[in-house]
Structure formats: C-alpha cells, structure tokens
PDB file of N, CA and C in Angstrom:
ATOM      1  N   MET A   1     130.365  68.601  63.277  1.00  0.00           N
ATOM      2  CA  MET A   1     130.491  70.005  63.582  1.00  0.00           C
ATOM      3  C   MET A   1     129.252  70.439  64.340  1.00  0.00           C
ATOM      4  N   VAL A   2     129.465  71.073  65.462  1.00  0.00           N
ATOM      5  CA  VAL A   2     128.380  71.593  66.286  1.00  0.00           C
ATOM      6  C   VAL A   2     128.166  73.052  65.917  1.00  0.00           C
ATOM      7  N   LEU A   3     126.939  73.419  65.622  1.00  0.00           N
ATOM      8  CA  LEU A   3     126.627  74.776  65.182  1.00  0.00           C
ATOM      9  C   LEU A   3     126.499  75.723  66.371  1.00  0.00           C
ATOM     10  N   PRO A   4     126.811  77.007  66.168  1.00  0.00           N
ATOM     11  CA  PRO A   4     126.681  77.976  67.256  1.00  0.00           C
ATOM     12  C   PRO A   4     125.217  78.352  67.473  1.00  0.00           C
ATOM     13  N   ASP A   5     124.592  77.705  68.423  1.00  0.00           N
ATOM     14  CA  ASP A   5     123.185  77.926  68.710  1.00  0.00           C
ATOM     15  C   ASP A   5     123.019  77.971  70.227  1.00  0.00           C
ATOM     16  N   ILE A   6     122.012  78.674  70.714  1.00  0.00           N
ATOM     17  CA  ILE A   6     121.828  78.805  72.152  1.00  0.00           C
ATOM     18  C   ILE A   6     121.508  77.448  72.798  1.00  0.00           C
ATOM     19  N   SER A   7     120.779  76.586  72.094  1.00  0.00           N
ATOM     20  CA  SER A   7     120.477  75.273  72.675  1.00  0.00           C
ATOM     21  C   SER A   7     121.740  74.414  72.753  1.00  0.00           C
ATOM     22  N   MET A   8     122.626  74.552  71.792  1.00  0.00           N
ATOM     23  CA  MET A   8     123.892  73.814  71.850  1.00  0.00           C
ATOM     24  C   MET A   8     124.747  74.325  73.008  1.00  0.00           C
ATOM     25  N   THR A   9     124.698  75.615  73.252  1.00  0.00           N
ATOM     26  CA  THR A   9     125.463  76.191  74.351  1.00  0.00           C
ATOM     27  C   THR A   9     124.891  75.744  75.691  1.00  0.00           C
ATOM     28  N   ASN A  10     123.565  75.703  75.800  1.00  0.00           N
ATOM     29  CA  ASN A  10     122.942  75.283  77.055  1.00  0.00           C
ATOM     30  C   ASN A  10     123.249  73.831  77.400  1.00  0.00           C
ATOM     31  N   TYR A  11     123.330  72.976  76.393  1.00  0.00           N
ATOM     32  CA  TYR A  11     123.569  71.548  76.615  1.00  0.00           C
ATOM     33  C   TYR A  11     124.988  71.128  76.230  1.00  0.00           C
ATOM     34  N   ARG A  12     125.928  72.048  76.303  1.00  0.00           N
ATOM     35  CA  ARG A  12     127.278  71.747  75.812  1.00  0.00           C
ATOM     36  C   ARG A  12     127.946  70.628  76.592  1.00  0.00           C
ATOM     37  N   GLU A  13     127.747  70.558  77.897  1.00  0.00           N
ATOM     38  CA  GLU A  13     128.404  69.498  78.669  1.00  0.00           C
ATOM     39  C   GLU A  13     127.842  68.131  78.293  1.00  0.00           C
ATOM     40  N   ALA A  14     126.532  68.035  78.065  1.00  0.00           N
ATOM     41  CA  ALA A  14     125.929  66.774  77.643  1.00  0.00           C
ATOM     42  C   ALA A  14     126.410  66.394  76.240  1.00  0.00           C
ATOM     43  N   ILE A  15     126.505  67.378  75.357  1.00  0.00           N
ATOM     44  CA  ILE A  15     126.969  67.108  73.988  1.00  0.00           C
ATOM     45  C   ILE A  15     128.419  66.636  74.009  1.00  0.00           C
ATOM     46  N   ILE A  16     129.244  67.289  74.807  1.00  0.00           N
ATOM     47  CA  ILE A  16     130.655  66.893  74.906  1.00  0.00           C
ATOM     48  C   ILE A  16     130.771  65.486  75.482  1.00  0.00           C
ATOM     49  N   ALA A  17     129.972  65.180  76.501  1.00  0.00           N
ATOM     50  CA  ALA A  17     130.010  63.845  77.106  1.00  0.00           C
ATOM     51  C   ALA A  17     129.547  62.779  76.115  1.00  0.00           C
ATOM     52  N   LEU A  18     128.498  63.049  75.352  1.00  0.00           N
ATOM     53  CA  LEU A  18     128.009  62.075  74.372  1.00  0.00           C
ATOM     54  C   LEU A  18     129.009  61.844  73.245  1.00  0.00           C
ATOM     55  N   THR A  19     129.618  62.906  72.750  1.00  0.00           N
ATOM     56  CA  THR A  19     130.605  62.718  71.681  1.00  0.00           C
ATOM     57  C   THR A  19     131.829  61.961  72.181  1.00  0.00           C
ATOM     58  N   ALA A  20     132.222  62.199  73.422  1.00  0.00           N
ATOM     59  CA  ALA A  20     133.358  61.470  73.981  1.00  0.00           C
ATOM     60  C   ALA A  20     132.992  60.010  74.223  1.00  0.00           C
ATOM     61  N   HIS A  21     131.776  59.754  74.712  1.00  0.00           N
ATOM     62  CA  HIS A  21     131.344  58.376  74.989  1.00  0.00           C
ATOM     63  C   HIS A  21     131.268  57.546  73.712  1.00  0.00           C
ATOM     64  N   HIS A  22     130.742  58.151  72.646  1.00  0.00           N
ATOM     65  CA  HIS A  22     130.598  57.435  71.370  1.00  0.00           C
ATOM     66  C   HIS A  22     131.811  57.598  70.463  1.00  0.00           C
ATOM     67  N   ARG A  23     132.838  58.277  70.964  1.00  0.00           N
ATOM     68  CA  ARG A  23     134.089  58.463  70.247  1.00  0.00           C
ATOM     69  C   ARG A  23     133.878  59.097  68.870  1.00  0.00           C
ATOM     70  N   VAL A  24     133.061  60.143  68.845  1.00  0.00           N
ATOM     71  CA  VAL A  24     132.788  60.889  67.620  1.00  0.00           C
ATOM     72  C   VAL A  24     133.597  62.180  67.682  1.00  0.00           C
ATOM     73  N   PRO A  25     134.475  62.410  66.722  1.00  0.00           N
ATOM     74  CA  PRO A  25     135.211  63.676  66.730  1.00  0.00           C
ATOM     75  C   PRO A  25     134.264  64.826  66.382  1.00  0.00           C
ATOM     76  N   ALA A  26     134.366  65.882  67.143  1.00  0.00           N
ATOM     77  CA  ALA A  26     133.479  67.027  66.918  1.00  0.00           C
ATOM     78  C   ALA A  26     134.290  68.312  66.951  1.00  0.00           C
ATOM     79  N   VAL A  27     133.910  69.227  66.082  1.00  0.00           N
ATOM     80  CA  VAL A  27     134.514  70.557  66.043  1.00  0.00           C
ATOM     81  C   VAL A  27     133.445  71.528  66.545  1.00  0.00           C
ATOM     82  N   TYR A  28     133.808  72.317  67.547  1.00  0.00           N
ATOM     83  CA  TYR A  28     132.868  73.213  68.192  1.00  0.00           C
ATOM     84  C   TYR A  28     133.109  74.650  67.737  1.00  0.00           C
ATOM     85  N   PRO A  29     132.057  75.495  67.792  1.00  0.00           N
ATOM     86  CA  PRO A  29     132.190  76.845  67.247  1.00  0.00           C
ATOM     87  C   PRO A  29     132.869  77.851  68.171  1.00  0.00           C
ATOM     88  N   LEU A  30     132.874  77.598  69.465  1.00  0.00           N
ATOM     89  CA  LEU A  30     133.405  78.573  70.408  1.00  0.00           C
ATOM     90  C   LEU A  30     134.443  77.943  71.323  1.00  0.00           C
ATOM     91  N   ARG A  31     135.340  78.771  71.829  1.00  0.00           N
ATOM     92  CA  ARG A  31     136.475  78.319  72.619  1.00  0.00           C
ATOM     93  C   ARG A  31     136.062  77.590  73.895  1.00  0.00           C
ATOM     94  N   TYR A  32     134.988  78.027  74.540  1.00  0.00           N
ATOM     95  CA  TYR A  32     134.635  77.409  75.817  1.00  0.00           C
ATOM     96  C   TYR A  32     134.144  75.979  75.679  1.00  0.00           C
ATOM     97  N   PHE A  33     133.780  75.546  74.460  1.00  0.00           N
ATOM     98  CA  PHE A  33     133.483  74.133  74.250  1.00  0.00           C
ATOM     99  C   PHE A  33     134.750  73.304  74.431  1.00  0.00           C
ATOM    100  N   ALA A  34     135.846  73.751  73.839  1.00  0.00           N
ATOM    101  CA  ALA A  34     137.114  73.029  73.982  1.00  0.00           C
ATOM    102  C   ALA A  34     137.634  73.127  75.410  1.00  0.00           C
ATOM    103  N   ALA A  35     137.418  74.264  76.063  1.00  0.00           N
ATOM    104  CA  ALA A  35     137.844  74.409  77.451  1.00  0.00           C
ATOM    105  C   ALA A  35     137.040  73.511  78.379  1.00  0.00           C
ATOM    106  N   SER A  36     135.810  73.169  77.973  1.00  0.00           N
ATOM    107  CA  SER A  36     134.975  72.285  78.786  1.00  0.00           C
ATOM    108  C   SER A  36     135.258  70.815  78.524  1.00  0.00           C
ATOM    109  N   GLY A  37     136.172  70.508  77.604  1.00  0.00           N
ATOM    110  CA  GLY A  37     136.544  69.117  77.359  1.00  0.00           C
ATOM    111  C   GLY A  37     136.316  68.638  75.943  1.00  0.00           C
ATOM    112  N   GLY A  38     135.832  69.501  75.056  1.00  0.00           N
ATOM    113  CA  GLY A  38     135.628  69.116  73.669  1.00  0.00           C
ATOM    114  C   GLY A  38     136.946  68.919  72.944  1.00  0.00           C
ATOM    115  N   LEU A  39     136.885  68.239  71.807  1.00  0.00           N
ATOM    116  CA  LEU A  39     138.101  67.921  71.062  1.00  0.00           C
ATOM    117  C   LEU A  39     138.783  69.179  70.540  1.00  0.00           C
ATOM    118  N   MET A  40     138.041  70.031  69.815  1.00  0.00           N
ATOM    119  CA  MET A  40     138.652  71.213  69.243  1.00  0.00           C
ATOM    120  C   MET A  40     137.574  72.227  68.910  1.00  0.00           C
ATOM    121  N   SER A  41     137.978  73.496  68.870  1.00  0.00           N
ATOM    122  CA  SER A  41     137.055  74.552  68.457  1.00  0.00           C
ATOM    123  C   SER A  41     137.685  75.353  67.326  1.00  0.00           C
ATOM    124  N   TYR A  42     136.830  75.844  66.456  1.00  0.00           N
ATOM    125  CA  TYR A  42     137.282  76.673  65.343  1.00  0.00           C
ATOM    126  C   TYR A  42     136.236  77.754  65.146  1.00  0.00           C
ATOM    127  N   GLY A  43     136.607  78.980  65.394  1.00  0.00           N
ATOM    128  CA  GLY A  43     135.663  80.071  65.230  1.00  0.00           C
ATOM    129  C   GLY A  43     136.264  81.360  65.742  1.00  0.00           C
ATOM    130  N   THR A  44     135.445  82.384  65.785  1.00  0.00           N
ATOM    131  CA  THR A  44     135.907  83.684  66.226  1.00  0.00           C
ATOM    132  C   THR A  44     136.075  83.722  67.734  1.00  0.00           C
ATOM    133  N   ASP A  45     136.973  84.571  68.176  1.00  0.00           N
ATOM    134  CA  ASP A  45     137.173  84.797  69.597  1.00  0.00           C
ATOM    135  C   ASP A  45     136.212  85.905  70.022  1.00  0.00           C
ATOM    136  N   VAL A  46     135.245  85.564  70.861  1.00  0.00           N
ATOM    137  CA  VAL A  46     134.192  86.508  71.231  1.00  0.00           C
ATOM    138  C   VAL A  46     134.775  87.725  71.945  1.00  0.00           C
ATOM    139  N   ALA A  47     135.748  87.526  72.795  1.00  0.00           N
ATOM    140  CA  ALA A  47     136.361  88.655  73.511  1.00  0.00           C
ATOM    141  C   ALA A  47     137.013  89.629  72.534  1.00  0.00           C
ATOM    142  N   GLU A  48     137.662  89.100  71.501  1.00  0.00           N
ATOM    143  CA  GLU A  48     138.295  89.966  70.506  1.00  0.00           C
ATOM    144  C   GLU A  48     137.255  90.752  69.711  1.00  0.00           C
ATOM    145  N   VAL A  49     136.121  90.135  69.430  1.00  0.00           N
ATOM    146  CA  VAL A  49     135.051  90.823  68.706  1.00  0.00           C
ATOM    147  C   VAL A  49     134.543  92.007  69.530  1.00  0.00           C
ATOM    148  N   PHE A  50     134.360  91.803  70.842  1.00  0.00           N
ATOM    149  CA  PHE A  50     133.899  92.890  71.696  1.00  0.00           C
ATOM    150  C   PHE A  50     134.940  93.993  71.804  1.00  0.00           C
ATOM    151  N   LEU A  51     136.216  93.631  71.857  1.00  0.00           N
ATOM    152  CA  LEU A  51     137.259  94.648  71.906  1.00  0.00           C
ATOM    153  C   LEU A  51     137.291  95.477  70.629  1.00  0.00           C
ATOM    154  N   ARG A  52     137.127  94.821  69.493  1.00  0.00           N
ATOM    155  CA  ARG A  52     137.106  95.557  68.227  1.00  0.00           C
ATOM    156  C   ARG A  52     135.876  96.459  68.147  1.00  0.00           C
ATOM    157  N   ALA A  53     134.739  95.973  68.631  1.00  0.00           N
ATOM    158  CA  ALA A  53     133.532  96.791  68.624  1.00  0.00           C
ATOM    159  C   ALA A  53     133.717  98.022  69.503  1.00  0.00           C
ATOM    160  N   ALA A  54     134.347  97.841  70.657  1.00  0.00           N
ATOM    161  CA  ALA A  54     134.605  98.977  71.545  1.00  0.00           C
ATOM    162  C   ALA A  54     135.534  99.991  70.883  1.00  0.00           C
ATOM    163  N   ALA A  55     136.515  99.514  70.135  1.00  0.00           N
ATOM    164  CA  ALA A  55     137.422 100.428  69.436  1.00  0.00           C
ATOM    165  C   ALA A  55     136.669 101.226  68.370  1.00  0.00           C
ATOM    166  N   TYR A  56     135.754 100.563  67.638  1.00  0.00           N
ATOM    167  CA  TYR A  56     134.964 101.276  66.626  1.00  0.00           C
ATOM    168  C   TYR A  56     134.038 102.303  67.270  1.00  0.00           C
ATOM    169  N   VAL A  57     133.414 101.950  68.378  1.00  0.00           N
ATOM    170  CA  VAL A  57     132.544 102.902  69.071  1.00  0.00           C
ATOM    171  C   VAL A  57     133.362 104.100  69.539  1.00  0.00           C
ATOM    172  N   ASN A  58     134.550 103.840  70.039  1.00  0.00           N
ATOM    173  CA  ASN A  58     135.422 104.924  70.480  1.00  0.00           C
ATOM    174  C   ASN A  58     135.794 105.838  69.315  1.00  0.00           C
ATOM    175  N   ARG A  59     136.100 105.247  68.156  1.00  0.00           N
ATOM    176  CA  ARG A  59     136.463 106.061  66.987  1.00  0.00           C
ATOM    177  C   ARG A  59     135.277 106.890  66.503  1.00  0.00           C
ATOM    178  N   ILE A  60     134.075 106.342  66.616  1.00  0.00           N
ATOM    179  CA  ILE A  60     132.894 107.067  66.156  1.00  0.00           C
ATOM    180  C   ILE A  60     132.545 108.201  67.116  1.00  0.00           C
ATOM    181  N   LEU A  61     132.599 107.927  68.426  1.00  0.00           N
ATOM    182  CA  LEU A  61     132.157 108.908  69.405  1.00  0.00           C
ATOM    183  C   LEU A  61     133.216 109.950  69.764  1.00  0.00           C
ATOM    184  N   SER A  62     134.475 109.658  69.582  1.00  0.00           N
ATOM    185  CA  SER A  62     135.521 110.606  69.968  1.00  0.00           C
ATOM    186  C   SER A  62     135.399 111.951  69.269  1.00  0.00           C
ATOM    187  N   PRO A  63     135.207 112.026  67.956  1.00  0.00           N
ATOM    188  CA  PRO A  63     135.050 113.351  67.338  1.00  0.00           C
ATOM    189  C   PRO A  63     133.819 114.088  67.857  1.00  0.00           C
ATOM    190  N   ALA A  64     132.737 113.378  68.101  1.00  0.00           N
ATOM    191  CA  ALA A  64     131.525 114.034  68.595  1.00  0.00           C
ATOM    192  C   ALA A  64     131.748 114.595  69.995  1.00  0.00           C
ATOM    193  N   ILE A  65     132.450 113.863  70.821  1.00  0.00           N
ATOM    194  CA  ILE A  65     132.734 114.331  72.172  1.00  0.00           C
ATOM    195  C   ILE A  65     133.674 115.527  72.120  1.00  0.00           C
ATOM    196  N   CYS A  66     134.670 115.467  71.256  1.00  0.00           N
ATOM    197  CA  CYS A  66     135.622 116.577  71.139  1.00  0.00           C
ATOM    198  C   CYS A  66     134.938 117.834  70.626  1.00  0.00           C
ATOM    199  N   GLN A  67     134.021 117.708  69.667  1.00  0.00           N
ATOM    200  CA  GLN A  67     133.318 118.876  69.144  1.00  0.00           C
ATOM    201  C   GLN A  67     132.469 119.521  70.226  1.00  0.00           C
ATOM    202  N   CYS A  68     131.846 118.733  71.063  1.00  0.00           N
ATOM    203  CA  CYS A  68     131.028 119.292  72.141  1.00  0.00           C
ATOM    204  C   CYS A  68     131.898 120.038  73.145  1.00  0.00           C
ATOM    205  N   LYS A  69     133.078 119.564  73.389  1.00  0.00           N
ATOM    206  CA  LYS A  69     133.961 120.211  74.351  1.00  0.00           C
ATOM    207  C   LYS A  69     134.432 121.575  73.852  1.00  0.00           C
ATOM    208  N   HIS A  70     134.625 121.718  72.552  1.00  0.00           N
ATOM    209  CA  HIS A  70     135.153 122.966  72.008  1.00  0.00           C
ATOM    210  C   HIS A  70     134.116 124.084  71.968  1.00  0.00           C
ATOM    211  N   HIS A  71     132.840 123.771  71.994  1.00  0.00           N
ATOM    212  CA  HIS A  71     131.811 124.799  71.916  1.00  0.00           C
ATOM    213  C   HIS A  71     131.614 125.535  73.231  1.00  0.00           C
ATOM    214  N   GLY A  72     132.026 124.988  74.311  1.00  0.00           N
ATOM    215  CA  GLY A  72     131.871 125.644  75.603  1.00  0.00           C
ATOM    216  C   GLY A  72     130.470 125.470  76.161  1.00  0.00           C
ATOM    217  N   LEU A  73     130.212 126.126  77.260  1.00  0.00           N
ATOM    218  CA  LEU A  73     128.923 126.022  77.906  1.00  0.00           C
ATOM    219  C   LEU A  73     127.922 126.971  77.282  1.00  0.00           C
ATOM    220  N   PRO A  74     126.634 126.605  77.272  1.00  0.00           N
ATOM    221  CA  PRO A  74     125.642 127.540  76.744  1.00  0.00           C
ATOM    222  C   PRO A  74     125.481 128.738  77.677  1.00  0.00           C
ATOM    223  N   LYS A  75     125.210 129.888  77.091  1.00  0.00           N
ATOM    224  CA  LYS A  75     125.090 131.130  77.865  1.00  0.00           C
ATOM    225  C   LYS A  75     123.690 131.698  77.670  1.00  0.00           C
ATOM    226  N   LEU A  76     123.153 132.312  78.692  1.00  0.00           N
ATOM    227  CA  LEU A  76     121.837 132.923  78.639  1.00  0.00           C
ATOM    228  C   LEU A  76     121.959 134.357  78.144  1.00  0.00           C
ATOM    229  N   VAL A  77     121.218 134.695  77.114  1.00  0.00           N
ATOM    230  CA  VAL A  77     121.219 136.054  76.560  1.00  0.00           C
ATOM    231  C   VAL A  77     119.789 136.561  76.614  1.00  0.00           C
ATOM    232  N   THR A  78     119.581 137.726  77.200  1.00  0.00           N
ATOM    233  CA  THR A  78     118.240 138.320  77.261  1.00  0.00           C
ATOM    234  C   THR A  78     118.237 139.706  76.638  1.00  0.00           C
ATOM    235  N   ASN A  79     117.100 140.123  76.109  1.00  0.00           N
ATOM    236  CA  ASN A  79     116.939 141.455  75.537  1.00  0.00           C
ATOM    237  C   ASN A  79     116.125 142.315  76.476  1.00  0.00           C
TER     238      ASN A  79
END
C-alpha cells in the first residue's frame, strides 16, 4: 500500500514502474495513480471532496448574503 504523501505523488511514475517491474501488487491512495498505470486505487475522490466543500460554503454564506441584501443601502443622516 502506497501512502498519500507529496513525495509519493512526485515520484508516482517511478513507483508504478518499479512495482510493475518487480511484479509487486500495490494499492494506491488516489485515482490518478491507477490512471497512470498502477494496479488499483482505493481512497476518496478529490473532486467530490471539493464539490462537497463548495456546497457547505454555499450553505454557510447564502443566509449571510441574503441578510445583507434585505437591509438595503446605507443612508447618510445629518443633524
């Protein structure tokens, strides 16, 4: 099993080539390892994580944006 680390990602093609050359089955943490020629990947889909995060940000910010819209523009009042 290859761990999700930046050094593993940087050298993924070399790691995939070495595991294939030595006929070692390896499970990779991210989809692009398997797309680059690895045997299989098992882990979260990064694109789906970002989509879910965007949905949560939208749910958090939508009420705040709506409240600002209902107050109208600030007005200058002088005595």
